[in-house]
Amino acid sequence: MSGIEEAVSGHAADLQPPHGYAGNKEAYLRRLKRIEGQVRGIARMVDEDKYCIDILTQVAAVTKALHAVSLGLVEEHIGHCVVGAASEPDPAARADAIDAKVKEAADAIGRLLR
């Protein structure tokens, strides 16, 4: 491989986002900021002695929003990290990489379901 080919292939690896969510990072950050605002609103409701059912309704909304973020991240992990592991050129390393990434996803899903 020539020096130019090495530079181009090395540069191409640099162009690949390090995490599956990188392409949607700004959207995730906006959503998390919105959730942060909802949580602050819940704290304000408690501070203002609002009705408990109204507070619980807001807690449920935040929980659902966080689950949506979590599911998006799991999908991004599978679509990027697991698929990336499947493209490993060495068959032995590929099998190990796939197993590791699938286990990470399964463990994360398990934590979400607890």
C-alpha atoms as a PDB file:
ATOM      1  CA  MET A   1       0.000   0.000   0.000  1.00  0.00           C
ATOM      2  CA  SER A   2       1.434   3.391  -0.931  1.00  0.00           C
ATOM      3  CA  GLY A   3       1.757   6.268   1.525  1.00  0.00           C
ATOM      4  CA  ILE A   4      -1.165   8.025  -0.184  1.00  0.00           C
ATOM      5  CA  GLU A   5      -3.383   4.939   0.079  1.00  0.00           C
ATOM      6  CA  GLU A   6      -2.498   4.600   3.763  1.00  0.00           C
ATOM      7  CA  ALA A   7      -3.302   8.257   4.358  1.00  0.00           C
ATOM      8  CA  VAL A   8      -6.630   7.971   2.556  1.00  0.00           C
ATOM      9  CA  SER A   9      -7.662   4.748   4.308  1.00  0.00           C
ATOM     10  CA  GLY A  10      -6.555   6.144   7.686  1.00  0.00           C
ATOM     11  CA  HIS A  11      -8.457   9.360   6.968  1.00  0.00           C
ATOM     12  CA  ALA A  12     -11.580   7.391   5.971  1.00  0.00           C
ATOM     13  CA  ALA A  13     -11.490   5.634   9.343  1.00  0.00           C
ATOM     14  CA  ASP A  14     -11.325   9.054  11.011  1.00  0.00           C
ATOM     15  CA  LEU A  15     -14.461  10.124   9.132  1.00  0.00           C
ATOM     16  CA  GLN A  16     -16.558   7.316  10.600  1.00  0.00           C
ATOM     17  CA  PRO A  17     -18.393   8.555  13.687  1.00  0.00           C
ATOM     18  CA  PRO A  18     -17.098   6.970  16.902  1.00  0.00           C
ATOM     19  CA  HIS A  19     -20.597   6.188  18.153  1.00  0.00           C
ATOM     20  CA  GLY A  20     -23.803   5.259  16.391  1.00  0.00           C
ATOM     21  CA  TYR A  21     -25.670   8.241  17.794  1.00  0.00           C
ATOM     22  CA  ALA A  22     -23.085  10.765  16.522  1.00  0.00           C
ATOM     23  CA  GLY A  23     -25.213  11.641  13.498  1.00  0.00           C
ATOM     24  CA  ASN A  24     -28.155  12.439  15.777  1.00  0.00           C
ATOM     25  CA  LYS A  25     -26.176  13.915  18.654  1.00  0.00           C
ATOM     26  CA  GLU A  26     -27.774  17.357  18.463  1.00  0.00           C
ATOM     27  CA  ALA A  27     -31.281  15.861  18.429  1.00  0.00           C
ATOM     28  CA  TYR A  28     -30.447  13.721  21.470  1.00  0.00           C
ATOM     29  CA  LEU A  29     -29.021  16.745  23.283  1.00  0.00           C
ATOM     30  CA  ARG A  30     -32.139  18.817  22.503  1.00  0.00           C
ATOM     31  CA  ARG A  31     -34.376  16.023  23.755  1.00  0.00           C
ATOM     32  CA  LEU A  32     -32.333  15.598  26.929  1.00  0.00           C
ATOM     33  CA  LYS A  33     -32.433  19.353  27.587  1.00  0.00           C
ATOM     34  CA  ARG A  34     -36.216  19.221  27.222  1.00  0.00           C
ATOM     35  CA  ILE A  35     -36.355  16.298  29.669  1.00  0.00           C
ATOM     36  CA  GLU A  36     -34.113  18.232  32.047  1.00  0.00           C
ATOM     37  CA  GLY A  37     -36.622  21.076  31.927  1.00  0.00           C
ATOM     38  CA  GLN A  38     -39.453  18.653  32.658  1.00  0.00           C
ATOM     39  CA  VAL A  39     -37.569  17.321  35.701  1.00  0.00           C
ATOM     40  CA  ARG A  40     -37.015  20.868  36.962  1.00  0.00           C
ATOM     41  CA  GLY A  41     -40.732  21.448  36.498  1.00  0.00           C
ATOM     42  CA  ILE A  42     -41.491  18.404  38.624  1.00  0.00           C
ATOM     43  CA  ALA A  43     -39.177  19.701  41.355  1.00  0.00           C
ATOM     44  CA  ARG A  44     -40.994  23.031  41.209  1.00  0.00           C
ATOM     45  CA  MET A  45     -44.331  21.232  41.490  1.00  0.00           C
ATOM     46  CA  VAL A  46     -43.133  19.455  44.637  1.00  0.00           C
ATOM     47  CA  ASP A  47     -41.766  22.711  46.034  1.00  0.00           C
ATOM     48  CA  GLU A  48     -45.136  24.382  45.374  1.00  0.00           C
ATOM     49  CA  ASP A  49     -47.049  21.498  47.000  1.00  0.00           C
ATOM     50  CA  LYS A  50     -48.960  20.557  43.846  1.00  0.00           C
ATOM     51  CA  TYR A  51     -51.386  17.646  43.816  1.00  0.00           C
ATOM     52  CA  CYS A  52     -49.562  14.297  43.974  1.00  0.00           C
ATOM     53  CA  ILE A  53     -51.373  12.788  40.973  1.00  0.00           C
ATOM     54  CA  ASP A  54     -50.371  15.760  38.820  1.00  0.00           C
ATOM     55  CA  ILE A  55     -46.749  15.227  39.868  1.00  0.00           C
ATOM     56  CA  LEU A  56     -46.973  11.508  39.123  1.00  0.00           C
ATOM     57  CA  THR A  57     -48.397  12.303  35.682  1.00  0.00           C
ATOM     58  CA  GLN A  58     -45.339  14.445  34.952  1.00  0.00           C
ATOM     59  CA  VAL A  59     -43.001  11.762  36.297  1.00  0.00           C
ATOM     60  CA  ALA A  60     -44.630   9.266  33.930  1.00  0.00           C
ATOM     61  CA  ALA A  61     -44.112  11.677  31.011  1.00  0.00           C
ATOM     62  CA  VAL A  62     -40.416  12.071  31.852  1.00  0.00           C
ATOM     63  CA  THR A  63     -40.026   8.323  32.226  1.00  0.00           C
ATOM     64  CA  LYS A  64     -41.597   7.757  28.811  1.00  0.00           C
ATOM     65  CA  ALA A  65     -39.357  10.423  27.259  1.00  0.00           C
ATOM     66  CA  LEU A  66     -36.245   8.816  28.761  1.00  0.00           C
ATOM     67  CA  HIS A  67     -37.356   5.412  27.484  1.00  0.00           C
ATOM     68  CA  ALA A  68     -37.710   6.890  23.994  1.00  0.00           C
ATOM     69  CA  VAL A  69     -34.148   8.231  24.197  1.00  0.00           C
ATOM     70  CA  SER A  70     -32.948   4.871  25.503  1.00  0.00           C
ATOM     71  CA  LEU A  71     -34.613   2.919  22.723  1.00  0.00           C
ATOM     72  CA  GLY A  72     -33.129   5.265  20.148  1.00  0.00           C
ATOM     73  CA  LEU A  73     -29.669   4.715  21.598  1.00  0.00           C
ATOM     74  CA  VAL A  74     -30.141   0.933  21.608  1.00  0.00           C
ATOM     75  CA  GLU A  75     -31.219   1.094  17.961  1.00  0.00           C
ATOM     76  CA  GLU A  76     -28.197   3.256  17.128  1.00  0.00           C
ATOM     77  CA  HIS A  77     -25.911   0.803  18.965  1.00  0.00           C
ATOM     78  CA  ILE A  78     -27.249  -2.140  17.013  1.00  0.00           C
ATOM     79  CA  GLY A  79     -27.194  -0.295  13.696  1.00  0.00           C
ATOM     80  CA  HIS A  80     -23.680   1.053  14.146  1.00  0.00           C
ATOM     81  CA  CYS A  81     -21.693  -0.912  16.695  1.00  0.00           C
ATOM     82  CA  VAL A  82     -23.077  -4.409  16.100  1.00  0.00           C
ATOM     83  CA  VAL A  83     -23.114  -3.958  12.333  1.00  0.00           C
ATOM     84  CA  GLY A  84     -19.600  -2.507  12.550  1.00  0.00           C
ATOM     85  CA  ALA A  85     -18.444  -5.572  14.470  1.00  0.00           C
ATOM     86  CA  ALA A  86     -19.951  -7.749  11.743  1.00  0.00           C
ATOM     87  CA  SER A  87     -17.739  -6.030   9.177  1.00  0.00           C
ATOM     88  CA  GLU A  88     -14.533  -7.032  11.004  1.00  0.00           C
ATOM     89  CA  PRO A  89     -12.352  -8.685   8.320  1.00  0.00           C
ATOM     90  CA  ASP A  90     -10.828 -11.369  10.604  1.00  0.00           C
ATOM     91  CA  PRO A  91     -13.459 -14.108  11.129  1.00  0.00           C
ATOM     92  CA  ALA A  92     -12.300 -15.008  14.657  1.00  0.00           C
ATOM     93  CA  ALA A  93     -12.164 -11.383  15.746  1.00  0.00           C
ATOM     94  CA  ARG A  94     -15.515 -10.758  14.019  1.00  0.00           C
ATOM     95  CA  ALA A  95     -17.272 -13.468  16.021  1.00  0.00           C
ATOM     96  CA  ASP A  96     -15.831 -12.151  19.292  1.00  0.00           C
ATOM     97  CA  ALA A  97     -16.659  -8.534  18.386  1.00  0.00           C
ATOM     98  CA  ILE A  98     -20.237  -9.405  17.446  1.00  0.00           C
ATOM     99  CA  ASP A  99     -20.705 -11.403  20.656  1.00  0.00           C
ATOM    100  CA  ALA A 100     -19.352  -8.518  22.746  1.00  0.00           C
ATOM    101  CA  LYS A 101     -21.534  -5.870  21.071  1.00  0.00           C
ATOM    102  CA  VAL A 102     -24.683  -8.009  21.236  1.00  0.00           C
ATOM    103  CA  LYS A 103     -23.994  -8.725  24.921  1.00  0.00           C
ATOM    104  CA  GLU A 104     -23.598  -4.987  25.554  1.00  0.00           C
ATOM    105  CA  ALA A 105     -26.966  -4.372  23.890  1.00  0.00           C
ATOM    106  CA  ALA A 106     -28.656  -7.200  25.799  1.00  0.00           C
ATOM    107  CA  ASP A 107     -27.223  -5.968  29.104  1.00  0.00           C
ATOM    108  CA  ALA A 108     -28.374  -2.417  28.373  1.00  0.00           C
ATOM    109  CA  ILE A 109     -31.863  -3.636  27.502  1.00  0.00           C
ATOM    110  CA  GLY A 110     -31.898  -5.661  30.722  1.00  0.00           C
ATOM    111  CA  ARG A 111     -31.043  -2.545  32.729  1.00  0.00           C
ATOM    112  CA  LEU A 112     -33.839  -0.652  31.003  1.00  0.00           C
ATOM    113  CA  LEU A 113     -36.367  -3.346  31.914  1.00  0.00           C
ATOM    114  CA  ARG A 114     -35.509  -3.423  35.634  1.00  0.00           C
END
